[in-house]
Amino acid sequence: MRWRSHQPGLDAGRLRRLADALDEGPAAHGFGEDQRWTLARVSDLIARMFRTRYTLRGTSYLLYRIGWSVQVPSHRPVERDEEAVTTWRREVWPAGKR
């Protein structure tokens, strides 16, 4: 019997929809006034949006795939240079991983 690697259940389109939903903030999805995303909340959101359940570890993996981490604040600094961040992610970060 050959084992096949399991592909995550969310394709690129669904991951984009998830990222957009996360950008709206927790309150927009009925999580009250606390504006922090937790792995449990994101897991619940995924279950509601896509009718599939992920473990907290699986949810963490999905967040990593779309560029989020548990430490990312919900607000970005006004002075943030998006072009510099994109260049760093595309060129500097991969070079450091080697």
Protein backbone atom coordinates (compact mmCIF):
# COMPACT_ATOMS: atom_id res chain seq x y z
CA MET A 1 0.00 0.00 0.00
CA ARG A 2 1.37 3.40 -0.94
CA TRP A 3 0.79 6.40 1.26
CA ARG A 4 -0.09 9.65 -0.37
CA SER A 5 0.80 12.97 1.15
CA HIS A 6 -2.27 14.73 2.46
CA GLN A 7 -2.98 18.08 0.87
CA PRO A 8 -4.61 20.70 3.12
CA GLY A 9 -8.33 21.07 2.52
CA LEU A 10 -8.24 24.78 1.75
CA ASP A 11 -7.20 25.74 -1.77
CA ALA A 12 -5.72 29.12 -2.70
CA GLY A 13 -9.14 30.74 -3.18
CA ARG A 14 -10.38 29.63 0.21
CA LEU A 15 -7.14 30.75 1.85
CA ARG A 16 -7.66 34.22 0.32
CA ARG A 17 -11.22 34.29 1.67
CA LEU A 18 -9.91 33.28 5.10
CA ALA A 19 -7.26 36.02 5.01
CA ASP A 20 -9.92 38.60 4.06
CA ALA A 21 -12.16 37.40 6.90
CA LEU A 22 -9.29 37.64 9.38
CA ASP A 23 -8.55 41.19 8.22
CA GLU A 24 -12.15 42.12 9.11
CA GLY A 25 -11.38 41.33 12.75
CA PRO A 26 -12.97 39.01 15.32
CA ALA A 27 -15.91 41.31 16.14
CA ALA A 28 -17.10 41.17 12.52
CA HIS A 29 -17.52 37.42 13.00
CA GLY A 30 -19.35 37.50 16.31
CA PHE A 31 -16.46 37.13 18.72
CA GLY A 32 -17.43 40.10 20.87
CA GLU A 33 -15.41 43.17 21.64
CA ASP A 34 -12.05 41.44 22.16
CA GLN A 35 -10.11 42.19 18.98
CA ARG A 36 -7.60 39.34 19.25
CA TRP A 37 -7.58 36.31 17.02
CA THR A 38 -6.79 33.09 18.85
CA LEU A 39 -6.17 29.71 17.27
CA ALA A 40 -9.47 28.48 18.70
CA ARG A 41 -11.36 31.42 17.18
CA VAL A 42 -9.70 30.99 13.79
CA SER A 43 -10.46 27.26 13.90
CA ASP A 44 -14.12 28.05 14.63
CA LEU A 45 -14.19 30.59 11.80
CA ILE A 46 -12.76 28.02 9.36
CA ALA A 47 -15.40 25.51 10.47
CA ARG A 48 -18.18 28.06 9.92
CA MET A 49 -16.88 29.31 6.57
CA PHE A 50 -15.79 26.04 4.98
CA ARG A 51 -17.53 23.32 7.01
CA THR A 52 -14.23 21.65 7.83
CA ARG A 53 -12.58 21.36 11.22
CA TYR A 54 -8.88 21.89 11.86
CA THR A 55 -6.94 21.15 15.02
CA LEU A 56 -5.19 24.08 16.67
CA ARG A 57 -1.91 22.88 15.18
CA GLY A 58 -3.51 22.61 11.72
CA THR A 59 -4.97 26.08 12.14
CA SER A 60 -1.53 27.42 13.06
CA TYR A 61 -0.13 25.83 9.87
CA LEU A 62 -2.83 27.47 7.74
CA LEU A 63 -2.15 30.85 9.33
CA TYR A 64 1.55 30.43 8.59
CA ARG A 65 0.72 29.64 4.94
CA ILE A 66 -1.12 32.95 4.56
CA GLY A 67 1.56 34.96 6.33
CA TRP A 68 -0.01 35.21 9.78
CA SER A 69 1.38 34.13 13.11
CA VAL A 70 0.06 34.18 16.63
CA GLN A 71 2.28 37.17 17.41
CA VAL A 72 1.06 39.42 14.58
CA PRO A 73 -0.84 42.44 15.97
CA SER A 74 -4.25 43.22 14.49
CA HIS A 75 -3.16 46.80 13.69
CA ARG A 76 -0.23 47.65 11.45
CA PRO A 77 1.91 50.73 12.04
CA VAL A 78 1.00 53.72 9.89
CA GLU A 79 4.66 54.15 8.91
CA ARG A 80 4.92 50.53 7.65
CA ASP A 81 6.50 50.35 4.20
CA GLU A 82 4.59 47.57 2.43
CA GLU A 83 6.99 47.54 -0.52
CA ALA A 84 9.98 47.00 1.78
CA VAL A 85 8.14 44.22 3.62
CA THR A 86 7.28 42.49 0.33
CA THR A 87 10.89 42.74 -0.87
CA TRP A 88 12.17 41.35 2.44
CA ARG A 89 9.73 38.41 2.33
CA ARG A 90 10.61 37.63 -1.29
CA GLU A 91 14.40 38.06 -1.20
CA VAL A 92 15.95 38.30 2.28
CA TRP A 93 13.88 35.82 4.28
CA PRO A 94 14.25 32.86 1.83
CA ALA A 95 18.02 33.45 1.66
CA GLY A 96 18.24 33.28 5.45
CA LYS A 97 16.31 29.99 5.53
CA ARG A 98 18.95 28.25 3.38
